[in-house]
Structure formats: C-alpha cells, structure tokens
C-alpha cells in the first residue's frame, strides 16, 4: 500500500497548523465573496448586453 506522504514528501506533522478558523478566514470567505462578485458581474453583463440589443432592435 502506498501512503500519501510518500508521494508528496510531507508527513502528518507538517499539517498541525490546520484549523477551522483559518479555513474560513483564509479560504472560504474570500472564495465566496469572489464568486458572488464574479457571478453578479457576469449576470449583470449578460442582462446589460441583452437589454441594449433589444433596445437597438426596437428602433426602426
């Protein structure tokens, strides 16, 4: 059986600083905020393009 530490060269002792608090502060919160900003931006861009296209198409 091959263990994970033999592939990466790390041992369980090198992961002793992992904690839920650092996971939330350093990973989950920034990623969630980035996804919200990116999602809102892309959805807003699509609606803006569709609105302008329909506005120009209605001019005859």
PDB file of N, CA and C in Angstrom:
ATOM      1  N   UNK A   1       0.846  -1.170   0.000  1.00  0.00           N
ATOM      2  CA  UNK A   1       0.000   0.000   0.000  1.00  0.00           C
ATOM      3  C   UNK A   1       0.898   1.242   0.000  1.00  0.00           C
ATOM      4  N   UNK A   2       0.559   2.213  -0.819  1.00  0.00           N
ATOM      5  CA  UNK A   2       1.327   3.452  -0.907  1.00  0.00           C
ATOM      6  C   UNK A   2       0.598   4.524  -0.119  1.00  0.00           C
ATOM      7  N   UNK A   3       1.317   5.168   0.775  1.00  0.00           N
ATOM      8  CA  UNK A   3       0.686   6.229   1.562  1.00  0.00           C
ATOM      9  C   UNK A   3       0.838   7.566   0.848  1.00  0.00           C
ATOM     10  N   UNK A   4      -0.004   8.510   1.210  1.00  0.00           N
ATOM     11  CA  UNK A   4       0.016   9.819   0.566  1.00  0.00           C
ATOM     12  C   UNK A   4       1.297  10.588   0.879  1.00  0.00           C
ATOM     13  N   UNK A   5       1.848  10.412   2.058  1.00  0.00           N
ATOM     14  CA  UNK A   5       3.034  11.186   2.402  1.00  0.00           C
ATOM     15  C   UNK A   5       4.259  10.757   1.609  1.00  0.00           C
ATOM     16  N   UNK A   6       4.273   9.556   1.074  1.00  0.00           N
ATOM     17  CA  UNK A   6       5.413   9.140   0.269  1.00  0.00           C
ATOM     18  C   UNK A   6       5.397   9.823  -1.095  1.00  0.00           C
ATOM     19  N   UNK A   7       4.238  10.199  -1.589  1.00  0.00           N
ATOM     20  CA  UNK A   7       4.157  10.873  -2.881  1.00  0.00           C
ATOM     21  C   UNK A   7       4.514  12.349  -2.789  1.00  0.00           C
ATOM     22  N   UNK A   8       4.067  13.014  -1.755  1.00  0.00           N
ATOM     23  CA  UNK A   8       4.268  14.455  -1.652  1.00  0.00           C
ATOM     24  C   UNK A   8       5.483  14.837  -0.828  1.00  0.00           C
ATOM     25  N   UNK A   9       6.040  13.922  -0.095  1.00  0.00           N
ATOM     26  CA  UNK A   9       7.192  14.220   0.736  1.00  0.00           C
ATOM     27  C   UNK A   9       6.841  14.903   2.037  1.00  0.00           C
ATOM     28  N   UNK A  10       5.572  14.948   2.399  1.00  0.00           N
ATOM     29  CA  UNK A  10       5.155  15.571   3.653  1.00  0.00           C
ATOM     30  C   UNK A  10       4.662  14.504   4.616  1.00  0.00           C
ATOM     31  N   UNK A  11       4.626  14.872   5.866  1.00  0.00           N
ATOM     32  CA  UNK A  11       4.126  13.962   6.891  1.00  0.00           C
ATOM     33  C   UNK A  11       2.953  14.620   7.603  1.00  0.00           C
ATOM     34  N   UNK A  12       2.303  13.859   8.451  1.00  0.00           N
ATOM     35  CA  UNK A  12       1.162  14.387   9.195  1.00  0.00           C
ATOM     36  C   UNK A  12       1.577  15.525  10.121  1.00  0.00           C
ATOM     37  N   UNK A  13       2.804  15.521  10.578  1.00  0.00           N
ATOM     38  CA  UNK A  13       3.275  16.576  11.484  1.00  0.00           C
ATOM     39  C   UNK A  13       3.326  17.936  10.799  1.00  0.00           C
ATOM     40  N   UNK A  14       3.456  17.976   9.486  1.00  0.00           N
ATOM     41  CA  UNK A  14       3.524  19.266   8.789  1.00  0.00           C
ATOM     42  C   UNK A  14       2.149  19.910   8.632  1.00  0.00           C
ATOM     43  N   UNK A  15       1.093  19.189   8.954  1.00  0.00           N
ATOM     44  CA  UNK A  15      -0.265  19.727   8.846  1.00  0.00           C
ATOM     45  C   UNK A  15      -0.849  20.094  10.206  1.00  0.00           C
ATOM     46  N   UNK A  16      -0.024  20.312  11.208  1.00  0.00           N
ATOM     47  CA  UNK A  16      -0.539  20.567  12.548  1.00  0.00           C
ATOM     48  C   UNK A  16      -1.127  21.962  12.702  1.00  0.00           C
ATOM     49  N   UNK A  17      -0.902  22.871  11.769  1.00  0.00           N
ATOM     50  CA  UNK A  17      -1.444  24.223  11.892  1.00  0.00           C
ATOM     51  C   UNK A  17      -2.786  24.393  11.182  1.00  0.00           C
ATOM     52  N   UNK A  18      -3.361  23.328  10.689  1.00  0.00           N
ATOM     53  CA  UNK A  18      -4.675  23.419  10.056  1.00  0.00           C
ATOM     54  C   UNK A  18      -5.754  23.574  11.121  1.00  0.00           C
ATOM     55  N   UNK A  19      -6.675  24.502  10.889  1.00  0.00           N
ATOM     56  CA  UNK A  19      -7.759  24.727  11.844  1.00  0.00           C
ATOM     57  C   UNK A  19      -8.968  25.255  11.084  1.00  0.00           C
ATOM     58  N   UNK A  20     -10.140  25.070  11.658  1.00  0.00           N
ATOM     59  CA  UNK A  20     -11.366  25.541  11.009  1.00  0.00           C
ATOM     60  C   UNK A  20     -11.364  27.055  10.863  1.00  0.00           C
ATOM     61  N   UNK A  21     -10.845  27.753  11.848  1.00  0.00           N
ATOM     62  CA  UNK A  21     -10.813  29.213  11.791  1.00  0.00           C
ATOM     63  C   UNK A  21     -10.001  29.722  10.618  1.00  0.00           C
ATOM     64  N   UNK A  22      -8.826  29.150  10.403  1.00  0.00           N
ATOM     65  CA  UNK A  22      -8.011  29.584   9.272  1.00  0.00           C
ATOM     66  C   UNK A  22      -8.640  29.160   7.946  1.00  0.00           C
ATOM     67  N   UNK A  23      -9.339  28.046   7.932  1.00  0.00           N
ATOM     68  CA  UNK A  23     -10.038  27.627   6.715  1.00  0.00           C
ATOM     69  C   UNK A  23     -11.099  28.643   6.323  1.00  0.00           C
ATOM     70  N   UNK A  24     -11.902  29.084   7.295  1.00  0.00           N
ATOM     71  CA  UNK A  24     -12.951  30.055   6.992  1.00  0.00           C
ATOM     72  C   UNK A  24     -12.372  31.400   6.591  1.00  0.00           C
ATOM     73  N   UNK A  25     -11.399  31.891   7.349  1.00  0.00           N
ATOM     74  CA  UNK A  25     -10.864  33.237   7.117  1.00  0.00           C
ATOM     75  C   UNK A  25      -9.993  33.291   5.867  1.00  0.00           C
ATOM     76  N   UNK A  26      -9.163  32.295   5.652  1.00  0.00           N
ATOM     77  CA  UNK A  26      -8.197  32.338   4.558  1.00  0.00           C
ATOM     78  C   UNK A  26      -8.674  31.670   3.281  1.00  0.00           C
ATOM     79  N   UNK A  27      -9.779  30.944   3.329  1.00  0.00           N
ATOM     80  CA  UNK A  27     -10.218  30.243   2.131  1.00  0.00           C
ATOM     81  C   UNK A  27     -11.693  30.473   1.828  1.00  0.00           C
ATOM     82  N   UNK A  28     -12.566  30.047   2.700  1.00  0.00           N
ATOM     83  CA  UNK A  28     -13.991  30.013   2.382  1.00  0.00           C
ATOM     84  C   UNK A  28     -14.586  31.399   2.182  1.00  0.00           C
ATOM     85  N   UNK A  29     -14.281  32.333   3.059  1.00  0.00           N
ATOM     86  CA  UNK A  29     -14.854  33.680   2.944  1.00  0.00           C
ATOM     87  C   UNK A  29     -14.345  34.397   1.692  1.00  0.00           C
ATOM     88  N   UNK A  30     -13.018  34.439   1.411  1.00  0.00           N
ATOM     89  CA  UNK A  30     -12.578  35.105   0.177  1.00  0.00           C
ATOM     90  C   UNK A  30     -13.115  34.449  -1.095  1.00  0.00           C
ATOM     91  N   UNK A  31     -13.177  33.132  -1.106  1.00  0.00           N
ATOM     92  CA  UNK A  31     -13.694  32.438  -2.285  1.00  0.00           C
ATOM     93  C   UNK A  31     -15.172  32.741  -2.483  1.00  0.00           C
ATOM     94  N   UNK A  32     -15.950  32.745  -1.413  1.00  0.00           N
ATOM     95  CA  UNK A  32     -17.378  33.046  -1.501  1.00  0.00           C
ATOM     96  C   UNK A  32     -17.609  34.469  -1.982  1.00  0.00           C
ATOM     97  N   UNK A  33     -16.867  35.423  -1.440  1.00  0.00           N
ATOM     98  CA  UNK A  33     -17.007  36.816  -1.877  1.00  0.00           C
ATOM     99  C   UNK A  33     -16.618  36.952  -3.345  1.00  0.00           C
ATOM    100  N   UNK A  34     -15.542  36.309  -3.754  1.00  0.00           N
ATOM    101  CA  UNK A  34     -15.126  36.353  -5.157  1.00  0.00           C
ATOM    102  C   UNK A  34     -16.154  35.747  -6.087  1.00  0.00           C
ATOM    103  N   UNK A  35     -16.754  34.639  -5.688  1.00  0.00           N
ATOM    104  CA  UNK A  35     -17.789  34.015  -6.509  1.00  0.00           C
ATOM    105  C   UNK A  35     -19.028  34.891  -6.608  1.00  0.00           C
ATOM    106  N   UNK A  36     -19.389  35.557  -5.513  1.00  0.00           N
ATOM    107  CA  UNK A  36     -20.550  36.452  -5.558  1.00  0.00           C
ATOM    108  C   UNK A  36     -20.277  37.646  -6.469  1.00  0.00           C
ATOM    109  N   UNK A  37     -19.102  38.252  -6.344  1.00  0.00           N
ATOM    110  CA  UNK A  37     -18.770  39.400  -7.193  1.00  0.00           C
ATOM    111  C   UNK A  37     -18.692  38.973  -8.654  1.00  0.00           C
ATOM    112  N   UNK A  38     -18.036  37.861  -8.927  1.00  0.00           N
ATOM    113  CA  UNK A  38     -17.929  37.374 -10.297  1.00  0.00           C
ATOM    114  C   UNK A  38     -19.272  36.983 -10.879  1.00  0.00           C
ATOM    115  N   UNK A  39     -20.083  36.294 -10.105  1.00  0.00           N
ATOM    116  CA  UNK A  39     -21.401  35.883 -10.586  1.00  0.00           C
ATOM    117  C   UNK A  39     -22.299  37.059 -10.869  1.00  0.00           C
ATOM    118  N   UNK A  40     -22.324  38.019  -9.956  1.00  0.00           N
ATOM    119  CA  UNK A  40     -23.149  39.215 -10.160  1.00  0.00           C
ATOM    120  C   UNK A  40     -22.654  39.987 -11.374  1.00  0.00           C
ATOM    121  N   UNK A  41     -21.339  40.103 -11.531  1.00  0.00           N
ATOM    122  CA  UNK A  41     -20.784  40.850 -12.661  1.00  0.00           C
ATOM    123  C   UNK A  41     -21.157  40.203 -13.988  1.00  0.00           C
ATOM    124  N   UNK A  42     -20.990  38.890 -14.093  1.00  0.00           N
ATOM    125  CA  UNK A  42     -21.288  38.222 -15.354  1.00  0.00           C
ATOM    126  C   UNK A  42     -22.780  38.224 -15.663  1.00  0.00           C
ATOM    127  N   UNK A  43     -23.611  38.017 -14.678  1.00  0.00           N
ATOM    128  CA  UNK A  43     -25.056  38.049 -14.904  1.00  0.00           C
ATOM    129  C   UNK A  43     -25.490  39.456 -15.284  1.00  0.00           C
ATOM    130  N   UNK A  44     -24.951  40.461 -14.597  1.00  0.00           N
ATOM    131  CA  UNK A  44     -25.287  41.846 -14.927  1.00  0.00           C
ATOM    132  C   UNK A  44     -24.824  42.192 -16.332  1.00  0.00           C
ATOM    133  N   UNK A  45     -23.650  41.718 -16.728  1.00  0.00           N
ATOM    134  CA  UNK A  45     -23.150  41.976 -18.078  1.00  0.00           C
ATOM    135  C   UNK A  45     -24.062  41.357 -19.127  1.00  0.00           C
ATOM    136  N   UNK A  46     -24.511  40.143 -18.900  1.00  0.00           N
ATOM    137  CA  UNK A  46     -25.404  39.477 -19.855  1.00  0.00           C
ATOM    138  C   UNK A  46     -26.724  40.230 -19.966  1.00  0.00           C
ATOM    139  N   UNK A  47     -27.314  40.621 -18.838  1.00  0.00           N
ATOM    140  CA  UNK A  47     -28.561  41.380 -18.884  1.00  0.00           C
ATOM    141  C   UNK A  47     -28.364  42.723 -19.572  1.00  0.00           C
ATOM    142  N   UNK A  48     -27.237  43.375 -19.335  1.00  0.00           N
ATOM    143  CA  UNK A  48     -26.960  44.672 -19.948  1.00  0.00           C
ATOM    144  C   UNK A  48     -26.848  44.533 -21.465  1.00  0.00           C
ATOM    145  N   UNK A  49     -26.139  43.485 -21.923  1.00  0.00           N
ATOM    146  CA  UNK A  49     -25.992  43.253 -23.363  1.00  0.00           C
ATOM    147  C   UNK A  49     -27.344  42.931 -23.984  1.00  0.00           C
ATOM    148  N   UNK A  50     -28.139  42.100 -23.353  1.00  0.00           N
ATOM    149  CA  UNK A  50     -29.458  41.744 -23.885  1.00  0.00           C
ATOM    150  C   UNK A  50     -30.360  42.965 -23.933  1.00  0.00           C
ATOM    151  N   UNK A  51     -30.326  43.784 -22.891  1.00  0.00           N
ATOM    152  CA  UNK A  51     -31.170  44.979 -22.861  1.00  0.00           C
ATOM    153  C   UNK A  51     -30.773  45.934 -23.972  1.00  0.00           C
ATOM    154  N   UNK A  52     -29.494  46.164 -24.185  1.00  0.00           N
ATOM    155  CA  UNK A  52     -29.058  47.080 -25.241  1.00  0.00           C
ATOM    156  C   UNK A  52     -29.379  46.525 -26.620  1.00  0.00           C
ATOM    157  N   UNK A  53     -29.240  45.217 -26.799  1.00  0.00           N
ATOM    158  CA  UNK A  53     -29.540  44.616 -28.097  1.00  0.00           C
ATOM    159  C   UNK A  53     -31.030  44.773 -28.412  1.00  0.00           C
ATOM    160  N   UNK A  54     -31.898  44.523 -27.443  1.00  0.00           N
ATOM    161  CA  UNK A  54     -33.335  44.674 -27.662  1.00  0.00           C
ATOM    162  C   UNK A  54     -33.710  46.133 -27.854  1.00  0.00           C
ATOM    163  N   UNK A  55     -33.047  47.039 -27.192  1.00  0.00           N
ATOM    164  CA  UNK A  55     -33.334  48.460 -27.325  1.00  0.00           C
ATOM    165  C   UNK A  55     -32.981  48.940 -28.734  1.00  0.00           C
ATOM    166  N   UNK A  56     -31.837  48.493 -29.262  1.00  0.00           N
ATOM    167  CA  UNK A  56     -31.439  48.877 -30.613  1.00  0.00           C
ATOM    168  C   UNK A  56     -32.308  48.192 -31.664  1.00  0.00           C
ATOM    169  N   UNK A  57     -32.781  46.987 -31.408  1.00  0.00           N
ATOM    170  CA  UNK A  57     -33.613  46.270 -32.376  1.00  0.00           C
ATOM    171  C   UNK A  57     -34.994  46.903 -32.487  1.00  0.00           C
ATOM    172  N   UNK A  58     -35.471  47.551 -31.437  1.00  0.00           N
ATOM    173  CA  UNK A  58     -36.791  48.171 -31.470  1.00  0.00           C
ATOM    174  C   UNK A  58     -36.793  49.496 -32.215  1.00  0.00           C
ATOM    175  N   UNK A  59     -35.631  50.058 -32.488  1.00  0.00           N
ATOM    176  CA  UNK A  59     -35.558  51.289 -33.280  1.00  0.00           C
ATOM    177  C   UNK A  59     -35.678  50.938 -34.751  1.00  0.00           C
ATOM    178  N   UNK A  60     -36.681  51.466 -35.396  1.00  0.00           N
ATOM    179  CA  UNK A  60     -36.862  51.173 -36.828  1.00  0.00           C
ATOM    180  C   UNK A  60     -36.837  52.455 -37.605  1.00  0.00           C
TER     181      UNK A  60
END
